[in-house]
Amino acid sequence: MLEVALGIGLLIVMGAFAYMSAHMVEEKKKGKRIPLPWEKEKDMGYGMGYSKKPAKKAKKKKKTAMKKKKK
């Protein structure tokens, strides 16, 4: 009886590992985040008026070299 319970538990853990691995491969192929079935949009930062598009990164301004004043 104990062997059957441990076998079922191990099978569930292995199935979850295979599912997460396949999910991560699919995200990498598409190049964007795909929510897991138990994740809600609100948890991902999309709720309450947020766009589902990823936020653009702010551009850094290049520091200009100070010009020497002519005397």
PDB file of N, CA and C in Angstrom:
ATOM      1  N   MET A   1       0.823  -1.196   0.000  1.00  0.00           N
ATOM      2  CA  MET A   1       0.000   0.000   0.000  1.00  0.00           C
ATOM      3  C   MET A   1       0.869   1.263   0.000  1.00  0.00           C
ATOM      4  N   LEU A   2       1.902   1.271   0.815  1.00  0.00           N
ATOM      5  CA  LEU A   2       2.792   2.419   0.904  1.00  0.00           C
ATOM      6  C   LEU A   2       3.556   2.621  -0.402  1.00  0.00           C
ATOM      7  N   GLU A   3       3.934   1.510  -1.045  1.00  0.00           N
ATOM      8  CA  GLU A   3       4.650   1.598  -2.315  1.00  0.00           C
ATOM      9  C   GLU A   3       3.787   2.240  -3.395  1.00  0.00           C
ATOM     10  N   VAL A   4       2.506   1.922  -3.406  1.00  0.00           N
ATOM     11  CA  VAL A   4       1.585   2.490  -4.395  1.00  0.00           C
ATOM     12  C   VAL A   4       1.431   3.991  -4.160  1.00  0.00           C
ATOM     13  N   ALA A   5       1.286   4.409  -2.917  1.00  0.00           N
ATOM     14  CA  ALA A   5       1.137   5.828  -2.586  1.00  0.00           C
ATOM     15  C   ALA A   5       2.397   6.611  -2.974  1.00  0.00           C
ATOM     16  N   LEU A   6       3.562   6.054  -2.671  1.00  0.00           N
ATOM     17  CA  LEU A   6       4.809   6.718  -3.041  1.00  0.00           C
ATOM     18  C   LEU A   6       4.970   6.771  -4.565  1.00  0.00           C
ATOM     19  N   GLY A   7       4.568   5.717  -5.244  1.00  0.00           N
ATOM     20  CA  GLY A   7       4.648   5.680  -6.703  1.00  0.00           C
ATOM     21  C   GLY A   7       3.751   6.732  -7.342  1.00  0.00           C
ATOM     22  N   ILE A   8       2.544   6.878  -6.826  1.00  0.00           N
ATOM     23  CA  ILE A   8       1.613   7.894  -7.340  1.00  0.00           C
ATOM     24  C   ILE A   8       2.156   9.291  -7.063  1.00  0.00           C
ATOM     25  N   GLY A   9       2.687   9.504  -5.874  1.00  0.00           N
ATOM     26  CA  GLY A   9       3.266  10.804  -5.530  1.00  0.00           C
ATOM     27  C   GLY A   9       4.433  11.158  -6.439  1.00  0.00           C
ATOM     28  N   LEU A  10       5.306  10.191  -6.679  1.00  0.00           N
ATOM     29  CA  LEU A  10       6.452  10.407  -7.556  1.00  0.00           C
ATOM     30  C   LEU A  10       5.994  10.694  -8.984  1.00  0.00           C
ATOM     31  N   LEU A  11       4.970  10.007  -9.447  1.00  0.00           N
ATOM     32  CA  LEU A  11       4.420  10.221 -10.789  1.00  0.00           C
ATOM     33  C   LEU A  11       3.846  11.636 -10.929  1.00  0.00           C
ATOM     34  N   ILE A  12       3.185  12.125  -9.896  1.00  0.00           N
ATOM     35  CA  ILE A  12       2.633  13.490  -9.913  1.00  0.00           C
ATOM     36  C   ILE A  12       3.758  14.524  -9.973  1.00  0.00           C
ATOM     37  N   VAL A  13       4.799  14.325  -9.178  1.00  0.00           N
ATOM     38  CA  VAL A  13       5.936  15.255  -9.177  1.00  0.00           C
ATOM     39  C   VAL A  13       6.619  15.258 -10.547  1.00  0.00           C
ATOM     40  N   MET A  14       6.816  14.106 -11.138  1.00  0.00           N
ATOM     41  CA  MET A  14       7.459  14.018 -12.451  1.00  0.00           C
ATOM     42  C   MET A  14       6.586  14.670 -13.530  1.00  0.00           C
ATOM     43  N   GLY A  15       5.278  14.503 -13.440  1.00  0.00           N
ATOM     44  CA  GLY A  15       4.368  15.135 -14.398  1.00  0.00           C
ATOM     45  C   GLY A  15       4.405  16.646 -14.287  1.00  0.00           C
ATOM     46  N   ALA A  16       4.438  17.161 -13.060  1.00  0.00           N
ATOM     47  CA  ALA A  16       4.509  18.609 -12.854  1.00  0.00           C
ATOM     48  C   ALA A  16       5.828  19.158 -13.404  1.00  0.00           C
ATOM     49  N   PHE A  17       6.918  18.435 -13.210  1.00  0.00           N
ATOM     50  CA  PHE A  17       8.213  18.856 -13.729  1.00  0.00           C
ATOM     51  C   PHE A  17       8.196  18.901 -15.260  1.00  0.00           C
ATOM     52  N   ALA A  18       7.619  17.881 -15.890  1.00  0.00           N
ATOM     53  CA  ALA A  18       7.538  17.839 -17.355  1.00  0.00           C
ATOM     54  C   ALA A  18       6.665  18.976 -17.886  1.00  0.00           C
ATOM     55  N   TYR A  19       5.552  19.263 -17.209  1.00  0.00           N
ATOM     56  CA  TYR A  19       4.669  20.348 -17.642  1.00  0.00           C
ATOM     57  C   TYR A  19       5.376  21.706 -17.559  1.00  0.00           C
ATOM     58  N   MET A  20       6.054  21.954 -16.448  1.00  0.00           N
ATOM     59  CA  MET A  20       6.741  23.242 -16.279  1.00  0.00           C
ATOM     60  C   MET A  20       7.872  23.388 -17.296  1.00  0.00           C
ATOM     61  N   SER A  21       8.560  22.308 -17.577  1.00  0.00           N
ATOM     62  CA  SER A  21       9.631  22.355 -18.569  1.00  0.00           C
ATOM     63  C   SER A  21       9.076  22.691 -19.949  1.00  0.00           C
ATOM     64  N   ALA A  22       7.985  22.040 -20.341  1.00  0.00           N
ATOM     65  CA  ALA A  22       7.360  22.318 -21.639  1.00  0.00           C
ATOM     66  C   ALA A  22       6.838  23.755 -21.696  1.00  0.00           C
ATOM     67  N   HIS A  23       6.305  24.236 -20.590  1.00  0.00           N
ATOM     68  CA  HIS A  23       5.788  25.605 -20.528  1.00  0.00           C
ATOM     69  C   HIS A  23       6.919  26.618 -20.724  1.00  0.00           C
ATOM     70  N   MET A  24       8.040  26.389 -20.079  1.00  0.00           N
ATOM     71  CA  MET A  24       9.177  27.298 -20.200  1.00  0.00           C
ATOM     72  C   MET A  24       9.753  27.289 -21.615  1.00  0.00           C
ATOM     73  N   VAL A  25       9.782  26.124 -22.263  1.00  0.00           N
ATOM     74  CA  VAL A  25      10.265  26.039 -23.644  1.00  0.00           C
ATOM     75  C   VAL A  25       9.339  26.834 -24.563  1.00  0.00           C
ATOM     76  N   GLU A  26       8.032  26.718 -24.363  1.00  0.00           N
ATOM     77  CA  GLU A  26       7.068  27.454 -25.188  1.00  0.00           C
ATOM     78  C   GLU A  26       7.207  28.961 -24.992  1.00  0.00           C
ATOM     79  N   GLU A  27       7.429  29.404 -23.759  1.00  0.00           N
ATOM     80  CA  GLU A  27       7.647  30.833 -23.500  1.00  0.00           C
ATOM     81  C   GLU A  27       8.887  31.323 -24.222  1.00  0.00           C
ATOM     82  N   LYS A  28       9.933  30.535 -24.209  1.00  0.00           N
ATOM     83  CA  LYS A  28      11.178  30.930 -24.871  1.00  0.00           C
ATOM     84  C   LYS A  28      10.982  31.011 -26.382  1.00  0.00           C
ATOM     85  N   LYS A  29      10.214  30.071 -26.956  1.00  0.00           N
ATOM     86  CA  LYS A  29       9.948  30.085 -28.394  1.00  0.00           C
ATOM     87  C   LYS A  29       9.167  31.330 -28.805  1.00  0.00           C
ATOM     88  N   LYS A  30       8.124  31.667 -28.019  1.00  0.00           N
ATOM     89  CA  LYS A  30       7.289  32.815 -28.349  1.00  0.00           C
ATOM     90  C   LYS A  30       7.936  34.134 -27.965  1.00  0.00           C
ATOM     91  N   GLY A  31       8.874  34.110 -27.052  1.00  0.00           N
ATOM     92  CA  GLY A  31       9.564  35.324 -26.635  1.00  0.00           C
ATOM     93  C   GLY A  31       8.744  36.218 -25.735  1.00  0.00           C
ATOM     94  N   LYS A  32       7.737  35.678 -25.090  1.00  0.00           N
ATOM     95  CA  LYS A  32       6.938  36.462 -24.148  1.00  0.00           C
ATOM     96  C   LYS A  32       6.463  35.560 -23.025  1.00  0.00           C
ATOM     97  N   ARG A  33       5.969  36.186 -21.982  1.00  0.00           N
ATOM     98  CA  ARG A  33       5.504  35.439 -20.809  1.00  0.00           C
ATOM     99  C   ARG A  33       4.106  34.905 -21.052  1.00  0.00           C
ATOM    100  N   ILE A  34       3.899  33.624 -20.782  1.00  0.00           N
ATOM    101  CA  ILE A  34       2.597  32.985 -20.916  1.00  0.00           C
ATOM    102  C   ILE A  34       2.127  32.640 -19.507  1.00  0.00           C
ATOM    103  N   PRO A  35       0.930  33.103 -19.114  1.00  0.00           N
ATOM    104  CA  PRO A  35       0.476  32.800 -17.748  1.00  0.00           C
ATOM    105  C   PRO A  35       0.158  31.315 -17.569  1.00  0.00           C
ATOM    106  N   LEU A  36       0.480  30.801 -16.408  1.00  0.00           N
ATOM    107  CA  LEU A  36       0.129  29.436 -16.067  1.00  0.00           C
ATOM    108  C   LEU A  36      -1.370  29.381 -15.787  1.00  0.00           C
ATOM    109  N   PRO A  37      -1.992  28.200 -15.873  1.00  0.00           N
ATOM    110  CA  PRO A  37      -3.453  28.109 -15.685  1.00  0.00           C
ATOM    111  C   PRO A  37      -3.947  28.683 -14.359  1.00  0.00           C
ATOM    112  N   TRP A  38      -3.166  28.617 -13.307  1.00  0.00           N
ATOM    113  CA  TRP A  38      -3.626  29.106 -12.008  1.00  0.00           C
ATOM    114  C   TRP A  38      -3.252  30.558 -11.755  1.00  0.00           C
ATOM    115  N   GLU A  39      -2.556  31.202 -12.675  1.00  0.00           N
ATOM    116  CA  GLU A  39      -2.207  32.613 -12.517  1.00  0.00           C
ATOM    117  C   GLU A  39      -3.312  33.492 -13.093  1.00  0.00           C
ATOM    118  N   LYS A  40      -3.596  34.571 -12.394  1.00  0.00           N
ATOM    119  CA  LYS A  40      -4.588  35.526 -12.860  1.00  0.00           C
ATOM    120  C   LYS A  40      -3.882  36.718 -13.481  1.00  0.00           C
ATOM    121  N   GLU A  41      -4.571  37.435 -14.357  1.00  0.00           N
ATOM    122  CA  GLU A  41      -3.978  38.614 -14.989  1.00  0.00           C
ATOM    123  C   GLU A  41      -3.588  39.649 -13.946  1.00  0.00           C
ATOM    124  N   LYS A  42      -4.377  39.765 -12.890  1.00  0.00           N
ATOM    125  CA  LYS A  42      -4.105  40.737 -11.838  1.00  0.00           C
ATOM    126  C   LYS A  42      -2.758  40.457 -11.178  1.00  0.00           C
ATOM    127  N   ASP A  43      -2.425  39.166 -11.006  1.00  0.00           N
ATOM    128  CA  ASP A  43      -1.158  38.789 -10.385  1.00  0.00           C
ATOM    129  C   ASP A  43       0.036  39.132 -11.273  1.00  0.00           C
ATOM    130  N   MET A  44      -0.203  39.222 -12.568  1.00  0.00           N
ATOM    131  CA  MET A  44       0.877  39.487 -13.507  1.00  0.00           C
ATOM    132  C   MET A  44       1.072  40.972 -13.760  1.00  0.00           C
ATOM    133  N   GLY A  45       0.273  41.810 -13.105  1.00  0.00           N
ATOM    134  CA  GLY A  45       0.430  43.247 -13.270  1.00  0.00           C
ATOM    135  C   GLY A  45      -0.379  43.805 -14.422  1.00  0.00           C
ATOM    136  N   TYR A  46      -1.343  43.046 -14.937  1.00  0.00           N
ATOM    137  CA  TYR A  46      -2.133  43.499 -16.070  1.00  0.00           C
ATOM    138  C   TYR A  46      -3.469  44.121 -15.656  1.00  0.00           C
ATOM    139  N   GLY A  47      -3.909  43.873 -14.439  1.00  0.00           N
ATOM    140  CA  GLY A  47      -5.230  44.329 -14.021  1.00  0.00           C
ATOM    141  C   GLY A  47      -5.307  45.835 -13.816  1.00  0.00           C
ATOM    142  N   MET A  48      -6.494  46.333 -13.681  1.00  0.00           N
ATOM    143  CA  MET A  48      -6.758  47.731 -13.350  1.00  0.00           C
ATOM    144  C   MET A  48      -6.162  48.711 -14.362  1.00  0.00           C
ATOM    145  N   GLY A  49      -6.420  48.496 -15.633  1.00  0.00           N
ATOM    146  CA  GLY A  49      -6.041  49.468 -16.644  1.00  0.00           C
ATOM    147  C   GLY A  49      -4.649  49.319 -17.221  1.00  0.00           C
ATOM    148  N   TYR A  50      -3.929  48.300 -16.802  1.00  0.00           N
ATOM    149  CA  TYR A  50      -2.603  48.096 -17.375  1.00  0.00           C
ATOM    150  C   TYR A  50      -2.732  47.421 -18.729  1.00  0.00           C
ATOM    151  N   SER A  51      -1.828  47.726 -19.618  1.00  0.00           N
ATOM    152  CA  SER A  51      -1.808  47.108 -20.928  1.00  0.00           C
ATOM    153  C   SER A  51      -1.191  45.721 -20.822  1.00  0.00           C
ATOM    154  N   LYS A  52      -1.605  44.805 -21.703  1.00  0.00           N
ATOM    155  CA  LYS A  52      -1.013  43.475 -21.716  1.00  0.00           C
ATOM    156  C   LYS A  52       0.309  43.471 -22.464  1.00  0.00           C
ATOM    157  N   LYS A  53       0.649  44.592 -23.092  1.00  0.00           N
ATOM    158  CA  LYS A  53       1.918  44.677 -23.797  1.00  0.00           C
ATOM    159  C   LYS A  53       3.036  44.897 -22.782  1.00  0.00           C
ATOM    160  N   PRO A  54       4.194  44.307 -23.019  1.00  0.00           N
ATOM    161  CA  PRO A  54       5.289  44.543 -22.071  1.00  0.00           C
ATOM    162  C   PRO A  54       5.724  46.005 -22.081  1.00  0.00           C
ATOM    163  N   ALA A  55       6.116  46.487 -20.934  1.00  0.00           N
ATOM    164  CA  ALA A  55       6.517  47.887 -20.808  1.00  0.00           C
ATOM    165  C   ALA A  55       7.816  48.131 -21.565  1.00  0.00           C
ATOM    166  N   LYS A  56       7.901  49.302 -22.195  1.00  0.00           N
ATOM    167  CA  LYS A  56       9.125  49.658 -22.902  1.00  0.00           C
ATOM    168  C   LYS A  56      10.152  50.138 -21.894  1.00  0.00           C
ATOM    169  N   LYS A  57      11.393  49.806 -22.169  1.00  0.00           N
ATOM    170  CA  LYS A  57      12.460  50.241 -21.284  1.00  0.00           C
ATOM    171  C   LYS A  57      12.784  51.703 -21.585  1.00  0.00           C
ATOM    172  N   ALA A  58      13.059  52.436 -20.553  1.00  0.00           N
ATOM    173  CA  ALA A  58      13.398  53.849 -20.714  1.00  0.00           C
ATOM    174  C   ALA A  58      14.764  53.958 -21.380  1.00  0.00           C
ATOM    175  N   LYS A  59      14.860  54.887 -22.300  1.00  0.00           N
ATOM    176  CA  LYS A  59      16.135  55.097 -22.968  1.00  0.00           C
ATOM    177  C   LYS A  59      17.024  55.960 -22.085  1.00  0.00           C
ATOM    178  N   LYS A  60      18.268  55.570 -22.009  1.00  0.00           N
ATOM    179  CA  LYS A  60      19.222  56.343 -21.218  1.00  0.00           C
ATOM    180  C   LYS A  60      19.816  57.429 -22.100  1.00  0.00           C
ATOM    181  N   LYS A  61      19.891  58.608 -21.550  1.00  0.00           N
ATOM    182  CA  LYS A  61      20.512  59.702 -22.280  1.00  0.00           C
ATOM    183  C   LYS A  61      22.010  59.558 -22.204  1.00  0.00           C
ATOM    184  N   LYS A  62      22.649  59.803 -23.326  1.00  0.00           N
ATOM    185  CA  LYS A  62      24.105  59.759 -23.338  1.00  0.00           C
ATOM    186  C   LYS A  62      24.643  61.021 -22.688  1.00  0.00           C
ATOM    187  N   LYS A  63      25.647  60.848 -21.899  1.00  0.00           N
ATOM    188  CA  LYS A  63      26.274  61.993 -21.256  1.00  0.00           C
ATOM    189  C   LYS A  63      27.184  62.667 -22.267  1.00  0.00           C
ATOM    190  N   THR A  64      26.914  63.907 -22.495  1.00  0.00           N
ATOM    191  CA  THR A  64      27.753  64.647 -23.434  1.00  0.00           C
ATOM    192  C   THR A  64      28.966  65.197 -22.698  1.00  0.00           C
ATOM    193  N   ALA A  65      30.057  65.206 -23.396  1.00  0.00           N
ATOM    194  CA  ALA A  65      31.285  65.745 -22.804  1.00  0.00           C
ATOM    195  C   ALA A  65      31.136  67.262 -22.702  1.00  0.00           C
ATOM    196  N   MET A  66      31.602  67.820 -21.613  1.00  0.00           N
ATOM    197  CA  MET A  66      31.500  69.262 -21.420  1.00  0.00           C
ATOM    198  C   MET A  66      32.419  69.965 -22.403  1.00  0.00           C
ATOM    199  N   LYS A  67      31.885  70.954 -23.059  1.00  0.00           N
ATOM    200  CA  LYS A  67      32.693  71.712 -24.029  1.00  0.00           C
ATOM    201  C   LYS A  67      33.505  72.766 -23.279  1.00  0.00           C
ATOM    202  N   LYS A  68      34.730  72.917 -23.754  1.00  0.00           N
ATOM    203  CA  LYS A  68      35.601  73.933 -23.145  1.00  0.00           C
ATOM    204  C   LYS A  68      35.218  75.304 -23.680  1.00  0.00           C
ATOM    205  N   LYS A  69      35.176  76.246 -22.777  1.00  0.00           N
ATOM    206  CA  LYS A  69      34.861  77.621 -23.175  1.00  0.00           C
ATOM    207  C   LYS A  69      36.085  78.283 -23.775  1.00  0.00           C
ATOM    208  N   LYS A  70      35.860  79.022 -24.848  1.00  0.00           N
ATOM    209  CA  LYS A  70      36.955  79.764 -25.457  1.00  0.00           C
ATOM    210  C   LYS A  70      37.103  81.105 -24.763  1.00  0.00           C
ATOM    211  N   LYS A  71      38.323  81.503 -24.497  1.00  0.00           N
ATOM    212  CA  LYS A  71      38.567  82.787 -23.836  1.00  0.00           C
ATOM    213  C   LYS A  71      38.991  83.819 -24.834  1.00  0.00           C
TER     214      LYS A  71
END
